[in-house]
Amino acid sequence: MDMVTELKKALSEAAEVPVESLKDDVALAEQGISSFQVVTAYVWLERELNISFQGDQLPDASTATIEEVAKSIEAIRTSR
């Protein structure tokens, strides 16, 4: 499972933007994704992937890119 793809799908749902418009290497805030939308995406991912994580395990959404967040989620997922 490609975590970048899963994260983009979750962010697309949360922010109501097309998946194609999300860039892997640009900070989420620069793409117009709010903190609330990021948290909504995290909740969706927790359900979809059957994992649980705390906010302090993930990079700061205002400066993190999709690639960085996806790597963090993958590390959490494989460590359980």
PDB file of N, CA and C in Angstrom:
ATOM      1  N   MET A   1       0.855  -1.189   0.000  1.00  0.00           N
ATOM      2  CA  MET A   1       0.000   0.000   0.000  1.00  0.00           C
ATOM      3  C   MET A   1       0.895   1.245   0.000  1.00  0.00           C
ATOM      4  N   ASP A   2       0.610   2.141  -0.911  1.00  0.00           N
ATOM      5  CA  ASP A   2       1.369   3.385  -1.029  1.00  0.00           C
ATOM      6  C   ASP A   2       0.765   4.429  -0.092  1.00  0.00           C
ATOM      7  N   MET A   3       1.508   4.798   0.933  1.00  0.00           N
ATOM      8  CA  MET A   3       0.981   5.718   1.942  1.00  0.00           C
ATOM      9  C   MET A   3       0.759   7.121   1.380  1.00  0.00           C
ATOM     10  N   VAL A   4       1.562   7.550   0.427  1.00  0.00           N
ATOM     11  CA  VAL A   4       1.349   8.863  -0.197  1.00  0.00           C
ATOM     12  C   VAL A   4      -0.024   8.893  -0.862  1.00  0.00           C
ATOM     13  N   THR A   5      -0.351   7.828  -1.582  1.00  0.00           N
ATOM     14  CA  THR A   5      -1.643   7.748  -2.257  1.00  0.00           C
ATOM     15  C   THR A   5      -2.785   7.755  -1.248  1.00  0.00           C
ATOM     16  N   GLU A   6      -2.640   6.975  -0.172  1.00  0.00           N
ATOM     17  CA  GLU A   6      -3.677   6.919   0.856  1.00  0.00           C
ATOM     18  C   GLU A   6      -3.861   8.276   1.532  1.00  0.00           C
ATOM     19  N   LEU A   7      -2.759   8.938   1.840  1.00  0.00           N
ATOM     20  CA  LEU A   7      -2.826  10.255   2.478  1.00  0.00           C
ATOM     21  C   LEU A   7      -3.466  11.275   1.541  1.00  0.00           C
ATOM     22  N   LYS A   8      -3.104  11.245   0.280  1.00  0.00           N
ATOM     23  CA  LYS A   8      -3.698  12.171  -0.683  1.00  0.00           C
ATOM     24  C   LYS A   8      -5.199  11.951  -0.806  1.00  0.00           C
ATOM     25  N   LYS A   9      -5.619  10.682  -0.797  1.00  0.00           N
ATOM     26  CA  LYS A   9      -7.038  10.363  -0.869  1.00  0.00           C
ATOM     27  C   LYS A   9      -7.763  10.934   0.356  1.00  0.00           C
ATOM     28  N   ALA A  10      -7.165  10.755   1.536  1.00  0.00           N
ATOM     29  CA  ALA A  10      -7.769  11.266   2.779  1.00  0.00           C
ATOM     30  C   ALA A  10      -7.821  12.791   2.786  1.00  0.00           C
ATOM     31  N   LEU A  11      -6.749  13.427   2.369  1.00  0.00           N
ATOM     32  CA  LEU A  11      -6.726  14.895   2.325  1.00  0.00           C
ATOM     33  C   LEU A  11      -7.707  15.434   1.293  1.00  0.00           C
ATOM     34  N   SER A  12      -7.824  14.741   0.172  1.00  0.00           N
ATOM     35  CA  SER A  12      -8.766  15.139  -0.867  1.00  0.00           C
ATOM     36  C   SER A  12     -10.194  15.116  -0.326  1.00  0.00           C
ATOM     37  N   GLU A  13     -10.536  14.053   0.390  1.00  0.00           N
ATOM     38  CA  GLU A  13     -11.864  13.949   1.003  1.00  0.00           C
ATOM     39  C   GLU A  13     -12.081  15.053   2.031  1.00  0.00           C
ATOM     40  N   ALA A  14     -11.095  15.252   2.901  1.00  0.00           N
ATOM     41  CA  ALA A  14     -11.229  16.223   3.988  1.00  0.00           C
ATOM     42  C   ALA A  14     -11.311  17.659   3.478  1.00  0.00           C
ATOM     43  N   ALA A  15     -10.511  17.966   2.468  1.00  0.00           N
ATOM     44  CA  ALA A  15     -10.445  19.341   1.970  1.00  0.00           C
ATOM     45  C   ALA A  15     -11.359  19.577   0.774  1.00  0.00           C
ATOM     46  N   GLU A  16     -11.980  18.511   0.298  1.00  0.00           N
ATOM     47  CA  GLU A  16     -12.856  18.591  -0.867  1.00  0.00           C
ATOM     48  C   GLU A  16     -12.148  19.214  -2.065  1.00  0.00           C
ATOM     49  N   VAL A  17     -10.950  18.671  -2.342  1.00  0.00           N
ATOM     50  CA  VAL A  17     -10.174  19.087  -3.511  1.00  0.00           C
ATOM     51  C   VAL A  17      -9.816  17.830  -4.303  1.00  0.00           C
ATOM     52  N   PRO A  18      -9.587  17.972  -5.599  1.00  0.00           N
ATOM     53  CA  PRO A  18      -9.205  16.800  -6.389  1.00  0.00           C
ATOM     54  C   PRO A  18      -7.833  16.265  -5.964  1.00  0.00           C
ATOM     55  N   VAL A  19      -7.700  14.966  -5.939  1.00  0.00           N
ATOM     56  CA  VAL A  19      -6.428  14.343  -5.574  1.00  0.00           C
ATOM     57  C   VAL A  19      -5.305  14.868  -6.465  1.00  0.00           C
ATOM     58  N   GLU A  20      -5.603  15.041  -7.745  1.00  0.00           N
ATOM     59  CA  GLU A  20      -4.580  15.476  -8.709  1.00  0.00           C
ATOM     60  C   GLU A  20      -3.986  16.841  -8.365  1.00  0.00           C
ATOM     61  N   SER A  21      -4.727  17.658  -7.642  1.00  0.00           N
ATOM     62  CA  SER A  21      -4.235  18.999  -7.329  1.00  0.00           C
ATOM     63  C   SER A  21      -3.252  19.014  -6.157  1.00  0.00           C
ATOM     64  N   LEU A  22      -3.160  17.921  -5.420  1.00  0.00           N
ATOM     65  CA  LEU A  22      -2.266  17.863  -4.265  1.00  0.00           C
ATOM     66  C   LEU A  22      -0.853  17.511  -4.704  1.00  0.00           C
ATOM     67  N   LYS A  23       0.108  18.294  -4.222  1.00  0.00           N
ATOM     68  CA  LYS A  23       1.508  18.094  -4.579  1.00  0.00           C
ATOM     69  C   LYS A  23       2.241  17.427  -3.410  1.00  0.00           C
ATOM     70  N   ASP A  24       3.054  16.431  -3.723  1.00  0.00           N
ATOM     71  CA  ASP A  24       3.754  15.659  -2.694  1.00  0.00           C
ATOM     72  C   ASP A  24       4.807  16.455  -1.949  1.00  0.00           C
ATOM     73  N   ASP A  25       5.431  17.426  -2.622  1.00  0.00           N
ATOM     74  CA  ASP A  25       6.592  18.098  -2.050  1.00  0.00           C
ATOM     75  C   ASP A  25       6.364  19.565  -1.683  1.00  0.00           C
ATOM     76  N   VAL A  26       5.113  19.945  -1.466  1.00  0.00           N
ATOM     77  CA  VAL A  26       4.770  21.313  -1.059  1.00  0.00           C
ATOM     78  C   VAL A  26       4.055  21.224   0.283  1.00  0.00           C
ATOM     79  N   ALA A  27       4.401  22.126   1.204  1.00  0.00           N
ATOM     80  CA  ALA A  27       3.781  22.115   2.534  1.00  0.00           C
ATOM     81  C   ALA A  27       2.255  22.142   2.412  1.00  0.00           C
ATOM     82  N   LEU A  28       1.613  21.396   3.296  1.00  0.00           N
ATOM     83  CA  LEU A  28       0.154  21.301   3.249  1.00  0.00           C
ATOM     84  C   LEU A  28      -0.503  22.672   3.379  1.00  0.00           C
ATOM     85  N   ALA A  29      -0.009  23.503   4.277  1.00  0.00           N
ATOM     86  CA  ALA A  29      -0.594  24.830   4.470  1.00  0.00           C
ATOM     87  C   ALA A  29      -0.484  25.666   3.192  1.00  0.00           C
ATOM     88  N   GLU A  30       0.623  25.524   2.477  1.00  0.00           N
ATOM     89  CA  GLU A  30       0.805  26.256   1.224  1.00  0.00           C
ATOM     90  C   GLU A  30      -0.184  25.794   0.156  1.00  0.00           C
ATOM     91  N   GLN A  31      -0.706  24.593   0.315  1.00  0.00           N
ATOM     92  CA  GLN A  31      -1.691  24.062  -0.624  1.00  0.00           C
ATOM     93  C   GLN A  31      -3.119  24.386  -0.199  1.00  0.00           C
ATOM     94  N   GLY A  32      -3.249  25.158   0.888  1.00  0.00           N
ATOM     95  CA  GLY A  32      -4.565  25.567   1.351  1.00  0.00           C
ATOM     96  C   GLY A  32      -5.262  24.545   2.232  1.00  0.00           C
ATOM     97  N   ILE A  33      -4.495  23.568   2.753  1.00  0.00           N
ATOM     98  CA  ILE A  33      -5.062  22.544   3.632  1.00  0.00           C
ATOM     99  C   ILE A  33      -4.974  23.064   5.073  1.00  0.00           C
ATOM    100  N   SER A  34      -6.120  23.188   5.728  1.00  0.00           N
ATOM    101  CA  SER A  34      -6.146  23.701   7.098  1.00  0.00           C
ATOM    102  C   SER A  34      -5.800  22.611   8.110  1.00  0.00           C
ATOM    103  N   SER A  35      -5.483  23.020   9.316  1.00  0.00           N
ATOM    104  CA  SER A  35      -5.187  22.066  10.391  1.00  0.00           C
ATOM    105  C   SER A  35      -6.389  21.150  10.639  1.00  0.00           C
ATOM    106  N   PHE A  36      -7.586  21.703  10.611  1.00  0.00           N
ATOM    107  CA  PHE A  36      -8.790  20.903  10.809  1.00  0.00           C
ATOM    108  C   PHE A  36      -8.912  19.828   9.733  1.00  0.00           C
ATOM    109  N   GLN A  37      -8.629  20.189   8.495  1.00  0.00           N
ATOM    110  CA  GLN A  37      -8.715  19.231   7.397  1.00  0.00           C
ATOM    111  C   GLN A  37      -7.656  18.131   7.541  1.00  0.00           C
ATOM    112  N   VAL A  38      -6.482  18.498   8.033  1.00  0.00           N
ATOM    113  CA  VAL A  38      -5.430  17.505   8.259  1.00  0.00           C
ATOM    114  C   VAL A  38      -5.873  16.520   9.338  1.00  0.00           C
ATOM    115  N   VAL A  39      -6.419  17.037  10.431  1.00  0.00           N
ATOM    116  CA  VAL A  39      -6.893  16.161  11.518  1.00  0.00           C
ATOM    117  C   VAL A  39      -8.006  15.250  11.006  1.00  0.00           C
ATOM    118  N   THR A  40      -8.910  15.781  10.207  1.00  0.00           N
ATOM    119  CA  THR A  40      -9.976  14.979   9.619  1.00  0.00           C
ATOM    120  C   THR A  40      -9.381  13.851   8.770  1.00  0.00           C
ATOM    121  N   ALA A  41      -8.350  14.160   8.006  1.00  0.00           N
ATOM    122  CA  ALA A  41      -7.682  13.140   7.186  1.00  0.00           C
ATOM    123  C   ALA A  41      -7.034  12.081   8.072  1.00  0.00           C
ATOM    124  N   TYR A  42      -6.431  12.498   9.183  1.00  0.00           N
ATOM    125  CA  TYR A  42      -5.806  11.542  10.104  1.00  0.00           C
ATOM    126  C   TYR A  42      -6.841  10.585  10.678  1.00  0.00           C
ATOM    127  N   VAL A  43      -7.996  11.114  11.053  1.00  0.00           N
ATOM    128  CA  VAL A  43      -9.059  10.267  11.605  1.00  0.00           C
ATOM    129  C   VAL A  43      -9.510   9.260  10.543  1.00  0.00           C
ATOM    130  N   TRP A  44      -9.670   9.707   9.320  1.00  0.00           N
ATOM    131  CA  TRP A  44     -10.059   8.826   8.226  1.00  0.00           C
ATOM    132  C   TRP A  44      -9.019   7.718   8.045  1.00  0.00           C
ATOM    133  N   LEU A  45      -7.729   8.102   8.075  1.00  0.00           N
ATOM    134  CA  LEU A  45      -6.659   7.120   7.907  1.00  0.00           C
ATOM    135  C   LEU A  45      -6.631   6.119   9.053  1.00  0.00           C
ATOM    136  N   GLU A  46      -6.867   6.580  10.257  1.00  0.00           N
ATOM    137  CA  GLU A  46      -6.893   5.664  11.401  1.00  0.00           C
ATOM    138  C   GLU A  46      -7.940   4.570  11.178  1.00  0.00           C
ATOM    139  N   ARG A  47      -9.100   4.969  10.717  1.00  0.00           N
ATOM    140  CA  ARG A  47     -10.167   3.994  10.439  1.00  0.00           C
ATOM    141  C   ARG A  47      -9.810   3.080   9.274  1.00  0.00           C
ATOM    142  N   GLU A  48      -9.349   3.660   8.188  1.00  0.00           N
ATOM    143  CA  GLU A  48      -9.042   2.886   6.982  1.00  0.00           C
ATOM    144  C   GLU A  48      -7.893   1.896   7.200  1.00  0.00           C
ATOM    145  N   LEU A  49      -6.880   2.325   7.949  1.00  0.00           N
ATOM    146  CA  LEU A  49      -5.676   1.505   8.120  1.00  0.00           C
ATOM    147  C   LEU A  49      -5.673   0.727   9.430  1.00  0.00           C
ATOM    148  N   ASN A  50      -6.719   0.940  10.232  1.00  0.00           N
ATOM    149  CA  ASN A  50      -6.822   0.290  11.531  1.00  0.00           C
ATOM    150  C   ASN A  50      -5.577   0.538  12.387  1.00  0.00           C
ATOM    151  N   ILE A  51      -5.196   1.814  12.467  1.00  0.00           N
ATOM    152  CA  ILE A  51      -4.069   2.211  13.304  1.00  0.00           C
ATOM    153  C   ILE A  51      -4.519   3.347  14.209  1.00  0.00           C
ATOM    154  N   SER A  52      -3.677   3.670  15.158  1.00  0.00           N
ATOM    155  CA  SER A  52      -3.949   4.789  16.046  1.00  0.00           C
ATOM    156  C   SER A  52      -2.644   5.524  16.279  1.00  0.00           C
ATOM    157  N   PHE A  53      -2.712   6.841  16.209  1.00  0.00           N
ATOM    158  CA  PHE A  53      -1.509   7.618  16.487  1.00  0.00           C
ATOM    159  C   PHE A  53      -1.871   8.921  17.160  1.00  0.00           C
ATOM    160  N   GLN A  54      -0.884   9.493  17.833  1.00  0.00           N
ATOM    161  CA  GLN A  54      -1.038  10.773  18.514  1.00  0.00           C
ATOM    162  C   GLN A  54      -0.473  11.872  17.618  1.00  0.00           C
ATOM    163  N   GLY A  55      -0.979  13.070  17.785  1.00  0.00           N
ATOM    164  CA  GLY A  55      -0.514  14.202  16.980  1.00  0.00           C
ATOM    165  C   GLY A  55       0.962  14.467  17.102  1.00  0.00           C
ATOM    166  N   ASP A  56       1.536  14.198  18.284  1.00  0.00           N
ATOM    167  CA  ASP A  56       2.958  14.475  18.458  1.00  0.00           C
ATOM    168  C   ASP A  56       3.843  13.462  17.728  1.00  0.00           C
ATOM    169  N   GLN A  57       3.261  12.417  17.165  1.00  0.00           N
ATOM    170  CA  GLN A  57       4.015  11.451  16.376  1.00  0.00           C
ATOM    171  C   GLN A  57       4.152  11.895  14.921  1.00  0.00           C
ATOM    172  N   LEU A  58       3.433  12.948  14.554  1.00  0.00           N
ATOM    173  CA  LEU A  58       3.408  13.405  13.168  1.00  0.00           C
ATOM    174  C   LEU A  58       4.046  14.783  13.044  1.00  0.00           C
ATOM    175  N   PRO A  59       4.615  15.091  11.890  1.00  0.00           N
ATOM    176  CA  PRO A  59       5.226  16.410  11.697  1.00  0.00           C
ATOM    177  C   PRO A  59       4.184  17.530  11.696  1.00  0.00           C
ATOM    178  N   ASP A  60       4.638  18.742  11.927  1.00  0.00           N
ATOM    179  CA  ASP A  60       3.768  19.919  11.934  1.00  0.00           C
ATOM    180  C   ASP A  60       3.130  20.078  10.557  1.00  0.00           C
ATOM    181  N   ALA A  61       1.813  19.996  10.522  1.00  0.00           N
ATOM    182  CA  ALA A  61       1.086  20.015   9.244  1.00  0.00           C
ATOM    183  C   ALA A  61       1.252  21.323   8.488  1.00  0.00           C
ATOM    184  N   SER A  62       1.547  22.414   9.178  1.00  0.00           N
ATOM    185  CA  SER A  62       1.665  23.687   8.468  1.00  0.00           C
ATOM    186  C   SER A  62       2.938  23.744   7.622  1.00  0.00           C
ATOM    187  N   THR A  63       3.958  22.993   8.012  1.00  0.00           N
ATOM    188  CA  THR A  63       5.216  23.031   7.267  1.00  0.00           C
ATOM    189  C   THR A  63       5.556  21.706   6.600  1.00  0.00           C
ATOM    190  N   ALA A  64       4.865  20.641   6.972  1.00  0.00           N
ATOM    191  CA  ALA A  64       5.171  19.313   6.429  1.00  0.00           C
ATOM    192  C   ALA A  64       4.597  19.143   5.028  1.00  0.00           C
ATOM    193  N   THR A  65       5.268  18.305   4.261  1.00  0.00           N
ATOM    194  CA  THR A  65       4.775  17.941   2.936  1.00  0.00           C
ATOM    195  C   THR A  65       4.022  16.612   3.034  1.00  0.00           C
ATOM    196  N   ILE A  66       3.312  16.268   2.000  1.00  0.00           N
ATOM    197  CA  ILE A  66       2.613  14.983   1.963  1.00  0.00           C
ATOM    198  C   ILE A  66       3.615  13.844   2.104  1.00  0.00           C
ATOM    199  N   GLU A  67       4.751  13.957   1.446  1.00  0.00           N
ATOM    200  CA  GLU A  67       5.778  12.911   1.542  1.00  0.00           C
ATOM    201  C   GLU A  67       6.245  12.722   2.983  1.00  0.00           C
ATOM    202  N   GLU A  68       6.487  13.824   3.703  1.00  0.00           N
ATOM    203  CA  GLU A  68       6.956  13.740   5.094  1.00  0.00           C
ATOM    204  C   GLU A  68       5.907  13.124   6.011  1.00  0.00           C
ATOM    205  N   VAL A  69       4.673  13.548   5.858  1.00  0.00           N
ATOM    206  CA  VAL A  69       3.597  13.009   6.693  1.00  0.00           C
ATOM    207  C   VAL A  69       3.389  11.528   6.368  1.00  0.00           C
ATOM    208  N   ALA A  70       3.425  11.170   5.103  1.00  0.00           N
ATOM    209  CA  ALA A  70       3.232   9.771   4.696  1.00  0.00           C
ATOM    210  C   ALA A  70       4.319   8.879   5.296  1.00  0.00           C
ATOM    211  N   LYS A  71       5.560   9.343   5.308  1.00  0.00           N
ATOM    212  CA  LYS A  71       6.653   8.565   5.906  1.00  0.00           C
ATOM    213  C   LYS A  71       6.406   8.358   7.394  1.00  0.00           C
ATOM    214  N   SER A  72       5.945   9.380   8.079  1.00  0.00           N
ATOM    215  CA  SER A  72       5.663   9.269   9.513  1.00  0.00           C
ATOM    216  C   SER A  72       4.536   8.278   9.780  1.00  0.00           C
ATOM    217  N   ILE A  73       3.477   8.340   8.985  1.00  0.00           N
ATOM    218  CA  ILE A  73       2.353   7.426   9.156  1.00  0.00           C
ATOM    219  C   ILE A  73       2.795   5.991   8.866  1.00  0.00           C
ATOM    220  N   GLU A  74       3.598   5.808   7.839  1.00  0.00           N
ATOM    221  CA  GLU A  74       4.080   4.473   7.504  1.00  0.00           C
ATOM    222  C   GLU A  74       4.939   3.916   8.638  1.00  0.00           C
ATOM    223  N   ALA A  75       5.772   4.747   9.227  1.00  0.00           N
ATOM    224  CA  ALA A  75       6.624   4.298  10.338  1.00  0.00           C
ATOM    225  C   ALA A  75       5.765   3.872  11.527  1.00  0.00           C
ATOM    226  N   ILE A  76       4.718   4.620  11.808  1.00  0.00           N
ATOM    227  CA  ILE A  76       3.805   4.275  12.906  1.00  0.00           C
ATOM    228  C   ILE A  76       3.100   2.974  12.584  1.00  0.00           C
ATOM    229  N   ARG A  77       2.645   2.840  11.370  1.00  0.00           N
ATOM    230  CA  ARG A  77       1.905   1.650  10.952  1.00  0.00           C
ATOM    231  C   ARG A  77       2.765   0.387  11.050  1.00  0.00           C
ATOM    232  N   THR A  78       4.007   0.473  10.642  1.00  0.00           N
ATOM    233  CA  THR A  78       4.875  -0.708  10.661  1.00  0.00           C
ATOM    234  C   THR A  78       5.413  -1.014  12.051  1.00  0.00           C
ATOM    235  N   SER A  79       5.369  -0.054  12.956  1.00  0.00           N
ATOM    236  CA  SER A  79       5.890  -0.271  14.309  1.00  0.00           C
ATOM    237  C   SER A  79       4.888  -0.929  15.248  1.00  0.00           C
ATOM    238  N   ARG A  80       3.652  -1.049  14.841  1.00  0.00           N
ATOM    239  CA  ARG A  80       2.654  -1.618  15.755  1.00  0.00           C
ATOM    240  C   ARG A  80       2.628  -3.105  15.747  1.00  0.00           C
TER     241      ARG A  80
END
